[in-house]
Amino acid sequence: MLRDRPEAFRRGQFVSDLIDELGGYGLFSAEGDDWRRLRRIATRGLSTRYLRQSFSMILRSAGRLTDRWGAAAARGERIDVLDDLARYTLEAAVGVTMNHDLGVAGRTGDDLHLALVFETLRRRLNSPVPYWRYLRLPADRRADAAIARARALILDRYAEARGLMAAGGEPRDYLTALAGADVDGDDPLSENDVVGSVLTMIVAGEEPTAAAAAWALHHLAMHPEAQQRVRAETAAVFGPDGAPH
């Protein structure tokens, strides 16, 4: 079904327009030949080989999160699990896509506030009139600023990635894989292609992943016997350094 876009399936035009207006033009909103081109580019950047190299970044982020939760538990503090997991998934997604360390799981780095993008999209979907096209409210300006920060970071990292690939380097993450396709001339990319492709991956990997993980933790807490089985399996699969055997 998805391969036949837009003939057999397409996202609602209104939703696509909203995504485009927020600067996230990419796989989520493109259709037809442009969707097939962006899908080919995204697939190239999602090679198992590149993702495996990013596992250390995921471990680093997970370690920061568990340290934070351990310290909070020792002080008897309540933990906002969903908020912390959203920060963790954002840090992990940024690390995997462009090898950049936000450090937000430990609240020591620069938070891109990309959750504002979701909030803005939901608000606009439920608005009876497209007011934002005529009047920017404070919430809209905050979302604009978050997207501008993300765009600047992505393009800065992409310039480095392009330099690496032009010098004969090997792809090491999603962004350098995209740069390799651009440098080779296989899939020439515009700045909007790059920003849309990376922003799509980051935003899509933040809130849904955090929500799924939060619900998983909730259900494990409600079923201690299942939690013990998961803990035992984890101990059997992962070594003392946190990496899989």
Protein backbone atom coordinates (compact mmCIF):
# COMPACT_ATOMS: atom_id res chain seq x y z
CA MET A 1 0.00 0.00 0.00
CA LEU A 2 2.71 2.49 0.98
CA ARG A 3 4.75 1.76 -2.14
CA ASP A 4 1.80 2.87 -4.28
CA ARG A 5 1.57 6.37 -2.85
CA PRO A 6 -0.35 8.40 -3.78
CA GLU A 7 -2.38 6.13 -6.07
CA ALA A 8 -3.48 3.62 -3.39
CA PHE A 9 -2.80 5.60 -0.24
CA ARG A 10 -2.00 9.17 0.68
CA ARG A 11 -1.94 11.31 3.78
CA GLY A 12 -4.67 13.94 4.01
CA GLN A 13 -3.65 17.08 2.11
CA PHE A 14 -4.39 19.30 5.10
CA VAL A 15 -2.06 17.25 7.33
CA SER A 16 0.65 17.25 4.66
CA ASP A 17 0.39 21.02 4.33
CA LEU A 18 0.74 21.46 8.09
CA ILE A 19 3.86 19.29 8.18
CA ASP A 20 5.37 21.20 5.27
CA GLU A 21 4.68 24.54 6.95
CA LEU A 22 6.55 23.36 10.04
CA GLY A 23 9.64 22.63 7.95
CA GLY A 24 9.32 18.86 8.07
CA TYR A 25 8.80 18.13 4.38
CA GLY A 26 9.96 14.58 3.82
CA LEU A 27 8.72 11.00 3.87
CA PHE A 28 5.68 11.90 5.98
CA SER A 29 4.23 14.38 3.53
CA ALA A 30 5.80 13.77 0.09
CA GLU A 31 3.87 11.86 -2.56
CA GLY A 32 4.51 10.18 -5.89
CA ASP A 33 7.94 10.36 -7.47
CA ASP A 34 9.22 12.75 -4.79
CA TRP A 35 8.20 10.31 -2.06
CA ARG A 36 9.98 7.48 -3.88
CA ARG A 37 13.13 9.63 -4.16
CA LEU A 38 13.09 10.57 -0.46
CA ARG A 39 12.33 6.98 0.52
CA ARG A 40 15.37 5.79 -1.45
CA ILE A 41 17.52 8.40 0.29
CA ALA A 42 16.19 7.46 3.74
CA THR A 43 16.71 3.75 3.09
CA ARG A 44 20.33 4.40 2.17
CA GLY A 45 20.82 6.17 5.48
CA LEU A 46 19.25 3.35 7.50
CA SER A 47 21.79 0.67 6.70
CA THR A 48 22.24 -1.82 9.54
CA ARG A 49 25.98 -1.22 9.36
CA TYR A 50 25.60 2.49 10.16
CA LEU A 51 23.01 1.90 12.86
CA ARG A 52 25.22 -0.69 14.56
CA GLN A 53 27.99 1.90 14.82
CA SER A 54 25.56 4.18 16.64
CA PHE A 55 24.80 1.69 19.41
CA SER A 56 27.46 3.19 21.65
CA MET A 57 25.64 6.54 21.52
CA ILE A 58 22.39 4.87 22.56
CA LEU A 59 24.20 3.19 25.46
CA ARG A 60 25.66 6.52 26.52
CA SER A 61 22.24 8.15 26.56
CA ALA A 62 20.70 5.21 28.41
CA GLY A 63 23.48 5.39 31.01
CA ARG A 64 22.77 9.06 31.66
CA LEU A 65 19.08 8.34 32.06
CA THR A 66 19.56 5.47 34.50
CA ASP A 67 22.05 7.55 36.52
CA ARG A 68 19.50 10.33 36.76
CA TRP A 69 16.72 7.97 37.80
CA GLY A 70 18.97 6.23 40.32
CA ALA A 71 19.92 9.55 41.94
CA ALA A 72 16.28 10.70 42.01
CA ALA A 73 15.15 7.41 43.55
CA ALA A 74 17.87 7.64 46.21
CA ARG A 75 16.51 11.08 47.18
CA GLY A 76 12.95 9.77 47.27
CA GLU A 77 11.84 12.03 44.41
CA ARG A 78 8.97 11.36 42.04
CA ILE A 79 10.11 10.88 38.45
CA ASP A 80 8.27 12.23 35.40
CA VAL A 81 8.96 9.14 33.34
CA LEU A 82 7.39 10.34 30.08
CA ASP A 83 9.21 13.68 30.15
CA ASP A 84 12.56 12.03 30.86
CA LEU A 85 12.02 9.39 28.18
CA ALA A 86 11.15 12.10 25.65
CA ARG A 87 14.48 13.76 26.44
CA TYR A 88 16.26 10.41 26.20
CA THR A 89 14.70 9.47 22.85
CA LEU A 90 15.47 12.94 21.48
CA GLU A 91 19.12 12.61 22.53
CA ALA A 92 19.35 9.10 21.08
CA ALA A 93 17.69 10.11 17.80
CA VAL A 94 19.98 13.11 17.34
CA GLY A 95 23.01 10.94 18.15
CA VAL A 96 22.03 8.21 15.70
CA THR A 97 21.06 10.54 12.87
CA MET A 98 23.96 12.99 13.01
CA ASN A 99 26.46 11.88 15.65
CA HIS A 100 25.73 14.92 17.83
CA ASP A 101 25.63 14.76 21.63
CA LEU A 102 22.78 16.82 23.07
CA GLY A 103 23.29 15.57 26.60
CA VAL A 104 19.66 16.37 27.44
CA ALA A 105 18.89 13.10 29.24
CA GLY A 106 21.13 14.38 32.03
CA ARG A 107 19.79 17.92 31.53
CA THR A 108 23.30 19.21 30.90
CA GLY A 109 23.04 20.07 27.21
CA ASP A 110 21.11 22.11 24.69
CA ASP A 111 17.53 20.91 24.37
CA LEU A 112 16.09 21.42 20.89
CA HIS A 113 12.52 21.60 22.31
CA LEU A 114 11.23 19.60 19.35
CA ALA A 115 8.24 18.48 21.44
CA LEU A 116 6.91 21.92 20.55
CA VAL A 117 6.59 20.72 16.96
CA PHE A 118 4.14 17.99 18.00
CA GLU A 119 2.20 20.36 20.23
CA THR A 120 1.94 22.90 17.41
CA LEU A 121 0.86 20.27 14.89
CA ARG A 122 -1.89 18.99 17.23
CA ARG A 123 -3.11 22.51 17.99
CA ARG A 124 -3.29 23.43 14.31
CA LEU A 125 -5.04 20.19 13.37
CA ASN A 126 -7.80 21.03 15.81
CA SER A 127 -8.08 24.69 14.87
CA PRO A 128 -11.23 25.64 12.91
CA VAL A 129 -9.28 28.32 10.99
CA PRO A 130 -5.59 28.49 9.90
CA TYR A 131 -4.90 31.53 12.12
CA TRP A 132 -1.11 30.93 12.07
CA ARG A 133 -0.96 31.95 8.41
CA TYR A 134 -2.07 35.43 9.42
CA LEU A 135 -1.11 35.80 13.10
CA ARG A 136 1.76 34.17 15.04
CA LEU A 137 0.86 33.54 18.67
CA PRO A 138 3.61 33.13 21.31
CA ALA A 139 3.33 29.32 21.04
CA ASP A 140 3.80 29.53 17.28
CA ARG A 141 6.86 31.73 17.68
CA ARG A 142 8.36 29.26 20.15
CA ALA A 143 7.80 26.43 17.66
CA ASP A 144 9.37 28.53 14.89
CA ALA A 145 12.43 29.15 17.08
CA ALA A 146 12.76 25.43 17.91
CA ILE A 147 12.61 24.49 14.23
CA ALA A 148 15.12 27.21 13.34
CA ARG A 149 17.57 25.87 15.97
CA ALA A 150 17.14 22.34 14.68
CA ARG A 151 17.62 23.46 11.06
CA ALA A 152 20.81 25.34 11.92
CA LEU A 153 22.22 22.33 13.79
CA ILE A 154 21.34 19.90 10.99
CA LEU A 155 22.91 22.05 8.27
CA ASP A 156 26.03 22.66 10.37
CA ARG A 157 26.48 18.93 10.93
CA TYR A 158 25.69 18.22 7.28
CA ALA A 159 28.46 20.55 6.12
CA GLU A 160 30.89 18.54 8.27
CA ALA A 161 29.47 15.26 6.96
CA ARG A 162 29.81 16.41 3.36
CA GLY A 163 33.43 17.40 3.97
CA LEU A 164 34.12 13.98 5.48
CA MET A 165 32.60 12.13 2.54
CA ALA A 166 34.27 14.37 -0.06
CA ALA A 167 37.62 13.49 1.55
CA GLY A 168 36.93 9.78 1.04
CA GLY A 169 35.56 9.01 4.52
CA GLU A 170 33.19 6.18 5.38
CA PRO A 171 29.57 6.81 6.40
CA ARG A 172 29.17 6.54 10.18
CA ASP A 173 25.59 7.67 10.72
CA TYR A 174 22.39 8.64 8.92
CA LEU A 175 23.63 12.13 7.98
CA THR A 176 26.97 11.01 6.54
CA ALA A 177 25.13 8.36 4.51
CA LEU A 178 22.97 11.12 3.02
CA ALA A 179 26.09 13.22 2.38
CA GLY A 180 27.69 10.27 0.60
CA ALA A 181 24.75 10.00 -1.79
CA ASP A 182 24.95 13.75 -2.41
CA VAL A 183 28.73 13.80 -3.00
CA ASP A 184 28.57 10.74 -5.29
CA GLY A 185 25.83 12.38 -7.32
CA ASP A 186 23.54 9.38 -6.80
CA ASP A 187 20.87 11.48 -5.10
CA PRO A 188 21.66 15.21 -5.15
CA LEU A 189 20.08 16.88 -2.12
CA SER A 190 18.88 20.39 -1.45
CA GLU A 191 19.12 21.97 2.02
CA ASN A 192 15.39 21.39 2.45
CA ASP A 193 15.81 17.71 1.52
CA VAL A 194 18.47 17.30 4.20
CA VAL A 195 16.60 19.17 6.91
CA GLY A 196 13.29 17.47 6.12
CA SER A 197 14.83 13.98 6.03
CA VAL A 198 16.71 14.38 9.32
CA LEU A 199 13.97 16.30 11.12
CA THR A 200 11.47 13.62 10.11
CA MET A 201 13.66 10.91 11.65
CA ILE A 202 14.26 12.87 14.86
CA VAL A 203 10.68 13.97 15.44
CA ALA A 204 9.21 10.59 14.47
CA GLY A 205 11.63 8.86 16.85
CA GLU A 206 10.97 11.07 19.86
CA GLU A 207 7.38 11.15 21.14
CA PRO A 208 6.03 7.78 19.87
CA THR A 209 9.10 5.93 21.16
CA ALA A 210 8.98 7.69 24.53
CA ALA A 211 5.26 6.98 24.92
CA ALA A 212 5.69 3.30 24.01
CA ALA A 213 8.58 2.93 26.47
CA ALA A 214 6.64 4.71 29.24
CA TRP A 215 3.65 2.40 28.81
CA ALA A 216 5.97 -0.63 28.78
CA LEU A 217 7.50 0.48 32.09
CA HIS A 218 4.03 1.07 33.54
CA HIS A 219 2.84 -2.43 32.65
CA LEU A 220 6.08 -4.01 33.89
CA ALA A 221 5.63 -2.20 37.20
CA MET A 222 2.10 -3.61 37.43
CA HIS A 223 3.37 -7.15 36.78
CA PRO A 224 6.51 -7.81 38.85
CA GLU A 225 6.79 -11.40 37.60
CA ALA A 226 7.07 -10.16 34.01
CA GLN A 227 9.55 -7.50 35.13
CA GLN A 228 11.77 -10.19 36.66
CA ARG A 229 11.70 -12.22 33.43
CA VAL A 230 12.68 -9.15 31.41
CA ARG A 231 15.49 -8.37 33.87
CA ALA A 232 16.79 -11.95 33.65
CA GLU A 233 16.72 -11.94 29.86
CA THR A 234 18.50 -8.58 29.77
CA ALA A 235 21.22 -9.87 32.06
CA ALA A 236 21.68 -12.91 29.82
CA VAL A 237 21.89 -10.89 26.58
CA PHE A 238 23.90 -7.86 27.71
CA GLY A 239 27.41 -7.86 29.15
CA PRO A 240 28.64 -5.90 32.19
CA ASP A 241 29.42 -2.91 29.94
CA GLY A 242 25.82 -2.71 28.79
CA ALA A 243 26.58 -3.89 25.26
CA PRO A 244 25.04 -7.06 23.79
CA HIS A 245 27.21 -10.20 23.69
